[in-house]
C-alpha atoms as a PDB file:
ATOM      1  CA  MET A   1      35.116  35.682 -34.145  1.00  0.00           C
ATOM      2  CA  MET A   2      32.317  36.124 -31.643  1.00  0.00           C
ATOM      3  CA  ASN A   3      34.192  39.049 -30.093  1.00  0.00           C
ATOM      4  CA  SER A   4      34.040  41.035 -33.308  1.00  0.00           C
ATOM      5  CA  ARG A   5      31.097  43.224 -34.192  1.00  0.00           C
ATOM      6  CA  LEU A   6      29.410  41.764 -37.252  1.00  0.00           C
ATOM      7  CA  GLY A   7      26.721  43.174 -39.509  1.00  0.00           C
ATOM      8  CA  PHE A   8      23.426  41.260 -39.700  1.00  0.00           C
ATOM      9  CA  LEU A   9      20.769  41.530 -42.391  1.00  0.00           C
ATOM     10  CA  LEU A  10      17.333  40.540 -41.069  1.00  0.00           C
ATOM     11  CA  ALA A  11      14.352  39.729 -43.279  1.00  0.00           C
ATOM     12  CA  GLY A  12      10.957  38.668 -41.948  1.00  0.00           C
ATOM     13  CA  ARG A  13       7.369  39.208 -42.991  1.00  0.00           C
ATOM     14  CA  ASP A  14       6.207  39.359 -39.346  1.00  0.00           C
ATOM     15  CA  LEU A  15       7.147  42.427 -37.286  1.00  0.00           C
ATOM     16  CA  PRO A  16       7.277  40.443 -33.990  1.00  0.00           C
ATOM     17  CA  MET A  17       9.745  38.002 -35.543  1.00  0.00           C
ATOM     18  CA  ARG A  18      11.939  40.819 -36.829  1.00  0.00           C
ATOM     19  CA  ARG A  19      11.955  42.333 -33.345  1.00  0.00           C
ATOM     20  CA  ILE A  20      13.053  39.010 -31.847  1.00  0.00           C
ATOM     21  CA  MET A  21      15.831  38.742 -34.437  1.00  0.00           C
ATOM     22  CA  SER A  22      16.994  42.319 -33.714  1.00  0.00           C
ATOM     23  CA  GLU A  23      17.024  41.738 -29.948  1.00  0.00           C
ATOM     24  CA  VAL A  24      19.089  38.579 -30.341  1.00  0.00           C
ATOM     25  CA  VAL A  25      21.605  40.309 -32.580  1.00  0.00           C
ATOM     26  CA  ASP A  26      21.828  43.299 -30.239  1.00  0.00           C
ATOM     27  CA  GLU A  27      22.319  41.134 -27.139  1.00  0.00           C
ATOM     28  CA  MET A  28      25.099  39.226 -28.888  1.00  0.00           C
ATOM     29  CA  GLY A  29      26.939  42.504 -29.413  1.00  0.00           C
ATOM     30  CA  HIS A  30      26.458  42.764 -33.164  1.00  0.00           C
ATOM     31  CA  GLN A  31      24.776  45.361 -35.348  1.00  0.00           C
ATOM     32  CA  THR A  32      21.714  45.208 -37.547  1.00  0.00           C
ATOM     33  CA  ILE A  33      22.506  46.551 -40.992  1.00  0.00           C
ATOM     34  CA  HIS A  34      18.893  46.434 -42.066  1.00  0.00           C
ATOM     35  CA  SER A  35      15.596  44.849 -41.057  1.00  0.00           C
ATOM     36  CA  THR A  36      12.887  44.494 -43.664  1.00  0.00           C
ATOM     37  CA  PRO A  37       9.692  42.552 -44.447  1.00  0.00           C
ATOM     38  CA  ARG A  38      10.523  42.523 -48.180  1.00  0.00           C
ATOM     39  CA  GLY A  39      12.853  40.166 -49.961  1.00  0.00           C
ATOM     40  CA  THR A  40      13.544  42.744 -52.661  1.00  0.00           C
ATOM     41  CA  ASP A  41      14.653  45.326 -50.064  1.00  0.00           C
ATOM     42  CA  ALA A  42      16.827  42.725 -48.357  1.00  0.00           C
ATOM     43  CA  TRP A  43      18.625  41.932 -51.614  1.00  0.00           C
ATOM     44  CA  ALA A  44      19.075  45.618 -52.491  1.00  0.00           C
ATOM     45  CA  THR A  45      20.508  46.328 -49.043  1.00  0.00           C
ATOM     46  CA  LEU A  46      22.856  43.357 -49.235  1.00  0.00           C
ATOM     47  CA  LYS A  47      24.233  44.535 -52.576  1.00  0.00           C
ATOM     48  CA  CYS A  48      24.584  48.099 -51.312  1.00  0.00           C
ATOM     49  CA  LYS A  49      25.881  47.601 -47.758  1.00  0.00           C
ATOM     50  CA  GLY A  50      26.898  43.954 -47.543  1.00  0.00           C
ATOM     51  CA  ALA A  51      26.435  41.766 -44.464  1.00  0.00           C
ATOM     52  CA  ASP A  52      28.346  39.192 -42.441  1.00  0.00           C
ATOM     53  CA  PHE A  53      25.266  37.127 -41.576  1.00  0.00           C
ATOM     54  CA  ILE A  54      21.720  36.793 -42.946  1.00  0.00           C
ATOM     55  CA  ILE A  55      18.627  35.670 -41.024  1.00  0.00           C
ATOM     56  CA  SER A  56      15.466  35.351 -43.079  1.00  0.00           C
ATOM     57  CA  GLN A  57      11.990  33.920 -42.766  1.00  0.00           C
ATOM     58  CA  ILE A  58      10.721  31.837 -45.641  1.00  0.00           C
ATOM     59  CA  GLN A  59       7.659  34.077 -45.780  1.00  0.00           C
ATOM     60  CA  LEU A  60       8.614  37.536 -47.051  1.00  0.00           C
ATOM     61  CA  LYS A  61       6.816  40.210 -49.015  1.00  0.00           C
ATOM     62  CA  GLU A  62       7.447  40.655 -52.747  1.00  0.00           C
ATOM     63  CA  MET A  63      10.075  37.883 -52.873  1.00  0.00           C
ATOM     64  CA  ASP A  64      10.042  34.797 -50.652  1.00  0.00           C
ATOM     65  CA  GLY A  65      12.978  33.641 -48.551  1.00  0.00           C
ATOM     66  CA  LEU A  66      13.884  30.683 -50.771  1.00  0.00           C
ATOM     67  CA  THR A  67      14.128  32.928 -53.821  1.00  0.00           C
ATOM     68  CA  PHE A  68      16.171  35.414 -51.804  1.00  0.00           C
ATOM     69  CA  LEU A  69      18.491  32.585 -50.742  1.00  0.00           C
ATOM     70  CA  LYS A  70      19.029  31.432 -54.331  1.00  0.00           C
ATOM     71  CA  ILE A  71      19.836  34.965 -55.496  1.00  0.00           C
ATOM     72  CA  VAL A  72      22.284  35.419 -52.631  1.00  0.00           C
ATOM     73  CA  ARG A  73      24.094  32.179 -53.395  1.00  0.00           C
ATOM     74  CA  ALA A  74      24.268  33.009 -57.102  1.00  0.00           C
ATOM     75  CA  ASP A  75      26.386  36.064 -56.243  1.00  0.00           C
ATOM     76  CA  LYS A  76      29.992  34.966 -55.657  1.00  0.00           C
ATOM     77  CA  GLU A  77      30.491  37.773 -53.106  1.00  0.00           C
ATOM     78  CA  PHE A  78      27.900  36.176 -50.808  1.00  0.00           C
ATOM     79  CA  ALA A  79      28.250  32.524 -51.812  1.00  0.00           C
ATOM     80  CA  TYR A  80      29.507  31.592 -48.346  1.00  0.00           C
ATOM     81  CA  THR A  81      27.820  34.194 -46.149  1.00  0.00           C
ATOM     82  CA  PRO A  82      26.051  32.378 -43.278  1.00  0.00           C
ATOM     83  CA  PHE A  83      22.328  32.213 -44.103  1.00  0.00           C
ATOM     84  CA  LEU A  84      19.889  31.098 -41.401  1.00  0.00           C
ATOM     85  CA  LEU A  85      16.403  30.366 -42.714  1.00  0.00           C
ATOM     86  CA  VAL A  86      13.539  30.611 -40.202  1.00  0.00           C
ATOM     87  CA  ALA A  87      10.107  29.024 -40.681  1.00  0.00           C
ATOM     88  CA  ASP A  88       7.192  28.139 -38.420  1.00  0.00           C
ATOM     89  CA  LEU A  89       6.265  25.341 -40.784  1.00  0.00           C
ATOM     90  CA  VAL A  90       8.385  23.924 -43.568  1.00  0.00           C
ATOM     91  CA  THR A  91       7.630  21.173 -46.059  1.00  0.00           C
ATOM     92  CA  ARG A  92      10.041  18.436 -47.034  1.00  0.00           C
ATOM     93  CA  GLU A  93      10.177  19.907 -50.528  1.00  0.00           C
ATOM     94  CA  GLN A  94      11.186  23.300 -49.097  1.00  0.00           C
ATOM     95  CA  VAL A  95      13.911  21.678 -46.998  1.00  0.00           C
ATOM     96  CA  VAL A  96      15.310  19.940 -50.091  1.00  0.00           C
ATOM     97  CA  GLU A  97      15.056  23.127 -52.150  1.00  0.00           C
ATOM     98  CA  ALA A  98      16.811  25.174 -49.461  1.00  0.00           C
ATOM     99  CA  GLY A  99      19.530  22.555 -49.089  1.00  0.00           C
ATOM    100  CA  GLU A 100      20.192  22.470 -52.819  1.00  0.00           C
ATOM    101  CA  ALA A 101      20.299  26.290 -52.853  1.00  0.00           C
ATOM    102  CA  GLY A 102      22.997  26.344 -50.176  1.00  0.00           C
ATOM    103  CA  VAL A 103      21.244  27.302 -46.938  1.00  0.00           C
ATOM    104  CA  SER A 104      23.527  27.212 -43.880  1.00  0.00           C
ATOM    105  CA  GLU A 105      20.819  26.086 -41.445  1.00  0.00           C
ATOM    106  CA  ILE A 106      17.018  25.933 -41.128  1.00  0.00           C
ATOM    107  CA  LEU A 107      15.327  26.741 -37.817  1.00  0.00           C
ATOM    108  CA  CYS A 108      11.754  25.577 -37.293  1.00  0.00           C
ATOM    109  CA  ARG A 109       9.452  26.108 -34.331  1.00  0.00           C
ATOM    110  CA  PRO A 110       9.619  26.496 -31.538  1.00  0.00           C
ATOM    111  CA  ILE A 111      11.438  29.662 -32.590  1.00  0.00           C
ATOM    112  CA  THR A 112      12.748  31.393 -29.481  1.00  0.00           C
ATOM    113  CA  PRO A 113      15.456  34.005 -28.918  1.00  0.00           C
ATOM    114  CA  MET A 114      17.595  31.340 -27.239  1.00  0.00           C
ATOM    115  CA  ARG A 115      17.376  28.928 -30.192  1.00  0.00           C
ATOM    116  CA  ILE A 116      18.142  31.690 -32.692  1.00  0.00           C
ATOM    117  CA  ALA A 117      21.191  32.724 -30.660  1.00  0.00           C
ATOM    118  CA  GLU A 118      22.388  29.110 -30.435  1.00  0.00           C
ATOM    119  CA  LYS A 119      22.119  28.624 -34.211  1.00  0.00           C
ATOM    120  CA  VAL A 120      23.960  31.891 -34.866  1.00  0.00           C
ATOM    121  CA  LYS A 121      26.779  30.843 -32.511  1.00  0.00           C
ATOM    122  CA  GLU A 122      27.019  27.432 -34.172  1.00  0.00           C
ATOM    123  CA  LEU A 123      27.294  28.960 -37.627  1.00  0.00           C
ATOM    124  CA  LEU A 124      29.842  31.570 -36.550  1.00  0.00           C
ATOM    125  CA  ASN A 125      31.922  29.006 -34.658  1.00  0.00           C
ATOM    126  CA  PRO A 126      31.505  25.707 -36.530  1.00  0.00           C
ATOM    127  CA  ARG A 127      32.918  22.615 -34.895  1.00  0.00           C
ATOM    128  CA  PRO A 128      35.923  21.225 -36.739  1.00  0.00           C
ATOM    129  CA  ASP A 129      35.051  18.364 -39.056  1.00  0.00           C
ATOM    130  CA  GLU A 130      36.904  15.434 -37.506  1.00  0.00           C
ATOM    131  CA  LYS A 131      36.970  13.543 -40.809  1.00  0.00           C
ATOM    132  CA  ALA A 132      38.380  16.574 -42.630  1.00  0.00           C
ATOM    133  CA  VAL A 133      41.076  17.014 -39.974  1.00  0.00           C
ATOM    134  CA  LEU A 134      42.009  13.332 -40.252  1.00  0.00           C
ATOM    135  CA  ALA A 135      42.077  13.480 -44.051  1.00  0.00           C
ATOM    136  CA  GLU A 136      44.345  16.536 -43.981  1.00  0.00           C
ATOM    137  CA  ARG A 137      46.714  14.793 -41.576  1.00  0.00           C
ATOM    138  CA  HIS A 138      46.985  11.753 -43.879  1.00  0.00           C
ATOM    139  CA  TYR A 139      47.393  14.022 -46.917  1.00  0.00           C
ATOM    140  CA  GLN A 140      50.304  15.983 -45.431  1.00  0.00           C
ATOM    141  CA  ARG A 141      51.971  12.730 -44.366  1.00  0.00           C
ATOM    142  CA  GLY A 142      51.519  11.362 -47.886  1.00  0.00           C
ATOM    143  CA  LEU A 143      53.156  14.435 -49.415  1.00  0.00           C
ATOM    144  CA  SER A 144      56.091  14.169 -47.042  1.00  0.00           C
ATOM    145  CA  LEU A 145      56.589  10.470 -47.764  1.00  0.00           C
ATOM    146  CA  MET A 146      56.331  11.063 -51.505  1.00  0.00           C
ATOM    147  CA  GLU A 147      59.044  13.749 -51.340  1.00  0.00           C
ATOM    148  CA  GLN A 148      61.258  11.269 -49.477  1.00  0.00           C
ATOM    149  CA  GLY A 149      60.708   8.633 -52.146  1.00  0.00           C
ATOM    150  CA  GLN A 150      58.934   6.289 -49.730  1.00  0.00           C
ATOM    151  CA  TYR A 151      56.276   5.384 -52.268  1.00  0.00           C
ATOM    152  CA  GLU A 152      54.701   2.360 -50.595  1.00  0.00           C
ATOM    153  CA  GLN A 153      54.087   4.308 -47.372  1.00  0.00           C
ATOM    154  CA  ALA A 154      52.861   7.319 -49.353  1.00  0.00           C
ATOM    155  CA  LEU A 155      50.356   5.110 -51.164  1.00  0.00           C
ATOM    156  CA  GLU A 156      49.007   3.950 -47.821  1.00  0.00           C
ATOM    157  CA  ALA A 157      48.692   7.520 -46.548  1.00  0.00           C
ATOM    158  CA  PHE A 158      46.880   8.790 -49.652  1.00  0.00           C
ATOM    159  CA  SER A 159      44.632   5.719 -49.687  1.00  0.00           C
ATOM    160  CA  ALA A 160      43.677   6.591 -46.114  1.00  0.00           C
ATOM    161  CA  VAL A 161      42.714  10.089 -47.316  1.00  0.00           C
ATOM    162  CA  VAL A 162      40.310   8.898 -50.016  1.00  0.00           C
ATOM    163  CA  SER A 163      38.752   6.418 -47.610  1.00  0.00           C
ATOM    164  CA  VAL A 164      37.620   9.470 -45.626  1.00  0.00           C
ATOM    165  CA  HIS A 165      37.240  12.108 -48.321  1.00  0.00           C
ATOM    166  CA  GLU A 166      37.483  11.711 -52.107  1.00  0.00           C
ATOM    167  CA  ASN A 167      39.680  14.358 -53.727  1.00  0.00           C
ATOM    168  CA  ALA A 168      40.960  14.736 -57.282  1.00  0.00           C
ATOM    169  CA  GLU A 169      44.453  15.835 -56.236  1.00  0.00           C
ATOM    170  CA  VAL A 170      44.834  12.881 -53.879  1.00  0.00           C
ATOM    171  CA  TYR A 171      43.844  10.455 -56.629  1.00  0.00           C
ATOM    172  CA  TYR A 172      46.326  12.211 -58.918  1.00  0.00           C
ATOM    173  CA  ASN A 173      49.084  11.659 -56.343  1.00  0.00           C
ATOM    174  CA  LEU A 174      48.098   8.000 -56.031  1.00  0.00           C
ATOM    175  CA  GLY A 175      48.323   7.689 -59.802  1.00  0.00           C
ATOM    176  CA  TYR A 176      51.652   9.509 -59.932  1.00  0.00           C
ATOM    177  CA  ILE A 177      53.195   7.205 -57.318  1.00  0.00           C
ATOM    178  CA  SER A 178      51.801   4.096 -59.028  1.00  0.00           C
ATOM    179  CA  ALA A 179      53.284   5.260 -62.339  1.00  0.00           C
ATOM    180  CA  MET A 180      56.667   5.852 -60.659  1.00  0.00           C
ATOM    181  CA  MET A 181      56.486   2.267 -59.411  1.00  0.00           C
ATOM    182  CA  GLU A 182      55.575   1.174 -62.983  1.00  0.00           C
ATOM    183  CA  LYS A 183      52.164  -0.037 -61.848  1.00  0.00           C
ATOM    184  CA  PHE A 184      50.624   1.557 -64.906  1.00  0.00           C
ATOM    185  CA  GLU A 185      47.209  -0.089 -64.796  1.00  0.00           C
ATOM    186  CA  ASP A 186      46.729   0.983 -61.167  1.00  0.00           C
ATOM    187  CA  ALA A 187      47.930   4.455 -62.102  1.00  0.00           C
ATOM    188  CA  ILE A 188      45.375   4.714 -64.910  1.00  0.00           C
ATOM    189  CA  THR A 189      42.611   3.754 -62.483  1.00  0.00           C
ATOM    190  CA  TYR A 190      43.660   6.517 -60.074  1.00  0.00           C
ATOM    191  CA  PHE A 191      44.092   9.140 -62.800  1.00  0.00           C
ATOM    192  CA  ARG A 192      40.663   8.261 -64.165  1.00  0.00           C
ATOM    193  CA  LYS A 193      39.186   8.782 -60.678  1.00  0.00           C
ATOM    194  CA  ALA A 194      40.833  12.207 -60.571  1.00  0.00           C
ATOM    195  CA  THR A 195      39.301  13.188 -63.914  1.00  0.00           C
ATOM    196  CA  GLU A 196      35.876  11.948 -62.853  1.00  0.00           C
ATOM    197  CA  ILE A 197      35.983  14.363 -59.919  1.00  0.00           C
ATOM    198  CA  ASP A 198      37.684  17.183 -61.841  1.00  0.00           C
ATOM    199  CA  ARG A 199      37.063  16.904 -65.578  1.00  0.00           C
ATOM    200  CA  PHE A 200      39.542  19.754 -66.210  1.00  0.00           C
ATOM    201  CA  HIS A 201      42.473  18.035 -64.456  1.00  0.00           C
ATOM    202  CA  ALA A 202      44.852  18.366 -67.381  1.00  0.00           C
ATOM    203  CA  LYS A 203      47.832  16.764 -65.656  1.00  0.00           C
ATOM    204  CA  ALA A 204      45.808  13.646 -64.842  1.00  0.00           C
ATOM    205  CA  PHE A 205      44.846  13.263 -68.516  1.00  0.00           C
ATOM    206  CA  GLN A 206      48.481  13.833 -69.504  1.00  0.00           C
ATOM    207  CA  LYS A 207      49.788  11.220 -67.078  1.00  0.00           C
ATOM    208  CA  MET A 208      47.093   8.786 -68.156  1.00  0.00           C
ATOM    209  CA  GLY A 209      48.338   9.226 -71.707  1.00  0.00           C
ATOM    210  CA  GLU A 210      51.894   8.474 -70.601  1.00  0.00           C
ATOM    211  CA  CYS A 211      50.730   5.311 -68.828  1.00  0.00           C
ATOM    212  CA  PHE A 212      48.856   4.087 -71.895  1.00  0.00           C
ATOM    213  CA  GLN A 213      51.979   4.808 -73.931  1.00  0.00           C
ATOM    214  CA  ALA A 214      54.059   2.727 -71.507  1.00  0.00           C
ATOM    215  CA  LEU A 215      51.542  -0.115 -71.935  1.00  0.00           C
ATOM    216  CA  GLY A 216      51.849   0.120 -75.718  1.00  0.00           C
ATOM    217  CA  ASP A 217      48.345   1.514 -76.334  1.00  0.00           C
ATOM    218  CA  ASP A 218      49.207   4.452 -78.610  1.00  0.00           C
ATOM    219  CA  ASP A 219      45.603   5.206 -79.558  1.00  0.00           C
ATOM    220  CA  ALA A 220      44.543   5.653 -75.938  1.00  0.00           C
ATOM    221  CA  ALA A 221      47.725   7.652 -75.272  1.00  0.00           C
ATOM    222  CA  LYS A 222      46.889  10.070 -78.094  1.00  0.00           C
ATOM    223  CA  GLN A 223      43.295  10.378 -76.936  1.00  0.00           C
ATOM    224  CA  HIS A 224      44.240  11.372 -73.385  1.00  0.00           C
ATOM    225  CA  LEU A 225      47.062  13.688 -74.435  1.00  0.00           C
ATOM    226  CA  GLU A 226      44.695  15.452 -76.806  1.00  0.00           C
ATOM    227  CA  ARG A 227      42.170  15.862 -73.989  1.00  0.00           C
ATOM    228  CA  ALA A 228      44.910  17.479 -71.893  1.00  0.00           C
ATOM    229  CA  LEU A 229      45.584  19.840 -74.795  1.00  0.00           C
ATOM    230  CA  GLU A 230      41.912  20.736 -75.116  1.00  0.00           C
ATOM    231  CA  ILE A 231      41.879  21.727 -71.454  1.00  0.00           C
ATOM    232  CA  ILE A 232      44.940  23.959 -71.699  1.00  0.00           C
ATOM    233  CA  GLU A 233      43.605  25.495 -74.906  1.00  0.00           C
ATOM    234  CA  GLY A 234      40.580  26.551 -72.890  1.00  0.00           C
ATOM    235  CA  ASP A 235      42.832  28.135 -70.205  1.00  0.00           C
ATOM    236  CA  PHE A 236      41.599  25.707 -67.532  1.00  0.00           C
ATOM    237  CA  ALA A 237      45.144  24.669 -66.647  1.00  0.00           C
ATOM    238  CA  SER A 238      47.920  26.605 -64.936  1.00  0.00           C
ATOM    239  CA  GLN A 239      51.014  27.878 -66.763  1.00  0.00           C
ATOM    240  CA  ASP A 240      53.150  25.112 -65.237  1.00  0.00           C
ATOM    241  CA  GLN A 241      50.682  22.479 -66.411  1.00  0.00           C
ATOM    242  CA  ARG A 242      50.657  23.964 -69.917  1.00  0.00           C
ATOM    243  CA  GLU A 243      54.452  23.832 -70.174  1.00  0.00           C
ATOM    244  CA  ASP A 244      54.635  20.250 -68.881  1.00  0.00           C
ATOM    245  CA  ILE A 245      51.923  19.024 -71.215  1.00  0.00           C
ATOM    246  CA  ILE A 246      53.384  20.786 -74.258  1.00  0.00           C
ATOM    247  CA  LYS A 247      56.754  19.196 -73.485  1.00  0.00           C
ATOM    248  CA  GLU A 248      55.170  15.742 -73.204  1.00  0.00           C
ATOM    249  CA  VAL A 249      53.192  16.123 -76.423  1.00  0.00           C
ATOM    250  CA  ARG A 250      56.288  17.210 -78.313  1.00  0.00           C
ATOM    251  CA  SER A 251      58.105  14.098 -77.151  1.00  0.00           C
ATOM    252  CA  HIS A 252      55.178  11.875 -78.128  1.00  0.00           C
ATOM    253  CA  LYS A 253      55.736  10.248 -81.500  1.00  0.00           C
ATOM    254  CA  SER A 254      52.496  11.055 -83.236  1.00  0.00           C
ATOM    255  CA  ASP A 255      51.294  12.598 -86.459  1.00  0.00           C
ATOM    256  CA  THR A 256      47.810  13.279 -85.170  1.00  0.00           C
ATOM    257  CA  ILE A 257      46.479  16.489 -86.622  1.00  0.00           C
ATOM    258  CA  ASN A 258      44.868  17.603 -83.388  1.00  0.00           C
ATOM    259  CA  ILE A 259      48.190  17.658 -81.574  1.00  0.00           C
ATOM    260  CA  PHE A 260      49.925  19.917 -84.128  1.00  0.00           C
ATOM    261  CA  ASN A 261      46.911  22.188 -84.478  1.00  0.00           C
ATOM    262  CA  SER A 262      46.433  22.345 -80.708  1.00  0.00           C
ATOM    263  CA  LEU A 263      50.087  23.139 -80.155  1.00  0.00           C
ATOM    264  CA  GLY A 264      49.793  25.940 -82.685  1.00  0.00           C
ATOM    265  CA  ILE A 265      46.862  27.461 -80.809  1.00  0.00           C
ATOM    266  CA  ILE A 266      48.649  27.247 -77.453  1.00  0.00           C
ATOM    267  CA  LEU A 267      51.930  28.682 -78.754  1.00  0.00           C
ATOM    268  CA  ARG A 268      50.110  31.513 -80.559  1.00  0.00           C
ATOM    269  CA  ARG A 269      48.329  32.487 -77.348  1.00  0.00           C
ATOM    270  CA  GLU A 270      51.697  32.612 -75.625  1.00  0.00           C
ATOM    271  CA  GLY A 271      53.017  34.960 -78.330  1.00  0.00           C
ATOM    272  CA  LYS A 272      55.429  32.351 -79.732  1.00  0.00           C
ATOM    273  CA  TYR A 273      54.378  32.998 -83.317  1.00  0.00           C
ATOM    274  CA  ASP A 274      57.294  31.371 -85.186  1.00  0.00           C
ATOM    275  CA  GLU A 275      56.892  28.161 -83.186  1.00  0.00           C
ATOM    276  CA  ALA A 276      53.133  28.253 -83.689  1.00  0.00           C
ATOM    277  CA  VAL A 277      53.544  28.645 -87.464  1.00  0.00           C
ATOM    278  CA  THR A 278      55.812  25.578 -87.491  1.00  0.00           C
ATOM    279  CA  GLN A 279      53.142  23.500 -85.768  1.00  0.00           C
ATOM    280  CA  TYR A 280      50.337  24.698 -88.081  1.00  0.00           C
ATOM    281  CA  ILE A 281      52.448  23.844 -91.134  1.00  0.00           C
ATOM    282  CA  LYS A 282      53.008  20.342 -89.710  1.00  0.00           C
ATOM    283  CA  ALA A 283      49.263  20.009 -89.284  1.00  0.00           C
ATOM    284  CA  LEU A 284      48.691  21.109 -92.906  1.00  0.00           C
ATOM    285  CA  ARG A 285      51.142  18.479 -94.156  1.00  0.00           C
ATOM    286  CA  VAL A 286      48.822  15.876 -92.674  1.00  0.00           C
ATOM    287  CA  HIS A 287      45.564  17.556 -93.796  1.00  0.00           C
ATOM    288  CA  PRO A 288      46.302  20.199 -96.468  1.00  0.00           C
ATOM    289  CA  ARG A 289      42.578  20.669 -97.206  1.00  0.00           C
ATOM    290  CA  ASP A 290      41.473  21.602 -93.680  1.00  0.00           C
ATOM    291  CA  GLU A 291      40.144  25.157 -93.839  1.00  0.00           C
ATOM    292  CA  ASN A 292      40.225  25.550 -90.054  1.00  0.00           C
ATOM    293  CA  ILE A 293      43.980  25.046 -89.891  1.00  0.00           C
ATOM    294  CA  HIS A 294      44.460  27.569 -92.687  1.00  0.00           C
ATOM    295  CA  TYR A 295      42.294  29.996 -90.718  1.00  0.00           C
ATOM    296  CA  ASN A 296      44.260  29.426 -87.511  1.00  0.00           C
ATOM    297  CA  LEU A 297      47.498  29.991 -89.386  1.00  0.00           C
ATOM    298  CA  GLY A 298      46.048  33.198 -90.832  1.00  0.00           C
ATOM    299  CA  VAL A 299      45.202  34.475 -87.343  1.00  0.00           C
ATOM    300  CA  CYS A 300      48.745  33.663 -86.235  1.00  0.00           C
ATOM    301  CA  TYR A 301      50.296  35.469 -89.197  1.00  0.00           C
ATOM    302  CA  LEU A 302      48.124  38.517 -88.562  1.00  0.00           C
ATOM    303  CA  GLU A 303      49.039  38.700 -84.872  1.00  0.00           C
ATOM    304  CA  ALA A 304      52.695  38.389 -85.856  1.00  0.00           C
ATOM    305  CA  GLY A 305      52.313  41.351 -88.254  1.00  0.00           C
ATOM    306  CA  ARG A 306      52.670  39.227 -91.400  1.00  0.00           C
ATOM    307  CA  LYS A 307      49.551  40.549 -93.155  1.00  0.00           C
ATOM    308  CA  ALA A 308      50.401  39.360 -96.675  1.00  0.00           C
ATOM    309  CA  ASP A 309      50.972  35.803 -95.459  1.00  0.00           C
ATOM    310  CA  ALA A 310      47.721  36.009 -93.509  1.00  0.00           C
ATOM    311  CA  ALA A 311      45.827  37.062 -96.641  1.00  0.00           C
ATOM    312  CA  ASN A 312      47.264  34.166 -98.641  1.00  0.00           C
ATOM    313  CA  VAL A 313      46.289  31.414 -96.193  1.00  0.00           C
ATOM    314  CA  LEU A 314      42.862  32.952 -95.531  1.00  0.00           C
ATOM    315  CA  GLU A 315      42.276  33.028 -99.279  1.00  0.00           C
ATOM    316  CA  GLU A 316      43.148  29.337 -99.391  1.00  0.00           C
ATOM    317  CA  ALA A 317      40.701  28.635 -96.551  1.00  0.00           C
ATOM    318  CA  LEU A 318      37.959  30.310 -98.599  1.00  0.00           C
ATOM    319  CA  ARG A 319      38.870  28.317-101.715  1.00  0.00           C
ATOM    320  CA  ILE A 320      38.347  25.154 -99.671  1.00  0.00           C
ATOM    321  CA  ASN A 321      35.151  26.411 -98.033  1.00  0.00           C
ATOM    322  CA  PRO A 322      33.593  29.549 -99.564  1.00  0.00           C
ATOM    323  CA  ALA A 323      30.928  29.580 -96.792  1.00  0.00           C
ATOM    324  CA  PHE A 324      33.532  29.968 -94.021  1.00  0.00           C
ATOM    325  CA  LYS A 325      32.136  33.180 -92.489  1.00  0.00           C
ATOM    326  CA  GLU A 326      34.902  33.910 -89.960  1.00  0.00           C
ATOM    327  CA  ALA A 327      37.615  33.396 -92.584  1.00  0.00           C
ATOM    328  CA  ARG A 328      35.850  35.749 -95.012  1.00  0.00           C
ATOM    329  CA  GLU A 329      35.429  38.464 -92.389  1.00  0.00           C
ATOM    330  CA  LEU A 330      39.087  38.253 -91.401  1.00  0.00           C
ATOM    331  CA  TYR A 331      40.196  38.127 -95.044  1.00  0.00           C
ATOM    332  CA  VAL A 332      38.268  41.319 -95.821  1.00  0.00           C
ATOM    333  CA  ARG A 333      39.832  43.022 -92.801  1.00  0.00           C
ATOM    334  CA  VAL A 334      43.371  41.959 -93.764  1.00  0.00           C
ATOM    335  CA  THR A 335      43.001  43.038 -97.392  1.00  0.00           C
ATOM    336  CA  ARG A 336      41.784  46.439 -96.217  1.00  0.00           C
ATOM    337  CA  MET A 337      44.867  46.718 -94.039  1.00  0.00           C
ATOM    338  CA  LEU A 338      47.067  45.896 -97.002  1.00  0.00           C
ATOM    339  CA  SER A 339      45.309  48.323 -99.353  1.00  0.00           C
ATOM    340  CA  ASN A 340      45.159  51.222 -96.876  1.00  0.00           C
ATOM    341  CA  PRO A 341      47.571  50.697 -93.949  1.00  0.00           C
ATOM    342  CA  ALA A 342      47.429  54.346 -92.811  1.00  0.00           C
ATOM    343  CA  ARG A 343      43.655  54.306 -92.457  1.00  0.00           C
ATOM    344  CA  GLU A 344      43.740  50.976 -90.635  1.00  0.00           C
ATOM    345  CA  ALA A 345      46.345  52.346 -88.195  1.00  0.00           C
ATOM    346  CA  ASP A 346      44.143  55.381 -87.469  1.00  0.00           C
ATOM    347  CA  ALA A 347      41.162  53.075 -86.792  1.00  0.00           C
END
């Protein structure tokens, strides 16, 4: 990477410091995209021209270096751009603030061309994290052993991973293997760890539900399966996860209203309107006076082109709750479609 010609953005209130920065960059064979004393100019240039590396003093005109850093990190395009912060004097509070904002490195005095160059080289060529390398090695071994059905050895490998680096997917694998070995309580512990790290890990919630079901705790099983459904309703899960979870929920013997209603929402979003209608009707058999289910069914009917059916169930939702604003707005729209379809098509 050091052989390539990178673009550097330099920001410093002091002209002598900017000159030092420019000389270092030039001697390293890179280019200076822009050099400015103003934080506002630095940000404008970054957005306009981009940069591969940023060096900034804390003290800048118009906008200080810490503020500049926070704005840079808030932009996903530059979230991982190396950012070296330079300061003659820095307080502990500033160090904490910079660290929380995502600074790559802070260089305090003595600030010399040699020290700047060393920090730049370190950031451009980071040393491999020995713990991360070791964790990856254990993880790959665990996957291989799991595929071979050698579950005890796989458990050891994945346990070695989390002893070095905690990871939601590794805990999920530990839970999956434990469940395969019918160690359901251990599996629940691992799946719970996975969801603590990644609260949108739908498969972990699903598998936890299955484990509770195997232990005879139907209430806990329903609770965790419903949480998995909430996640896939919010599009936080992949398509494969959605299909697996829907399959599991369908096989789960439960009359819980949330499951039928949730399945209706998921199936409607996938364009499976007839299947979605079936689920909403099941939900209404449990709670016929729930205006929200009537509304959801109305949306499904409308998207399926069944306007008259949509009007009927939306009207029922309004009978149950006359203050239901969304249902009233959709009902008015549907009745207009029915009364003047040509005009609605033109719109």
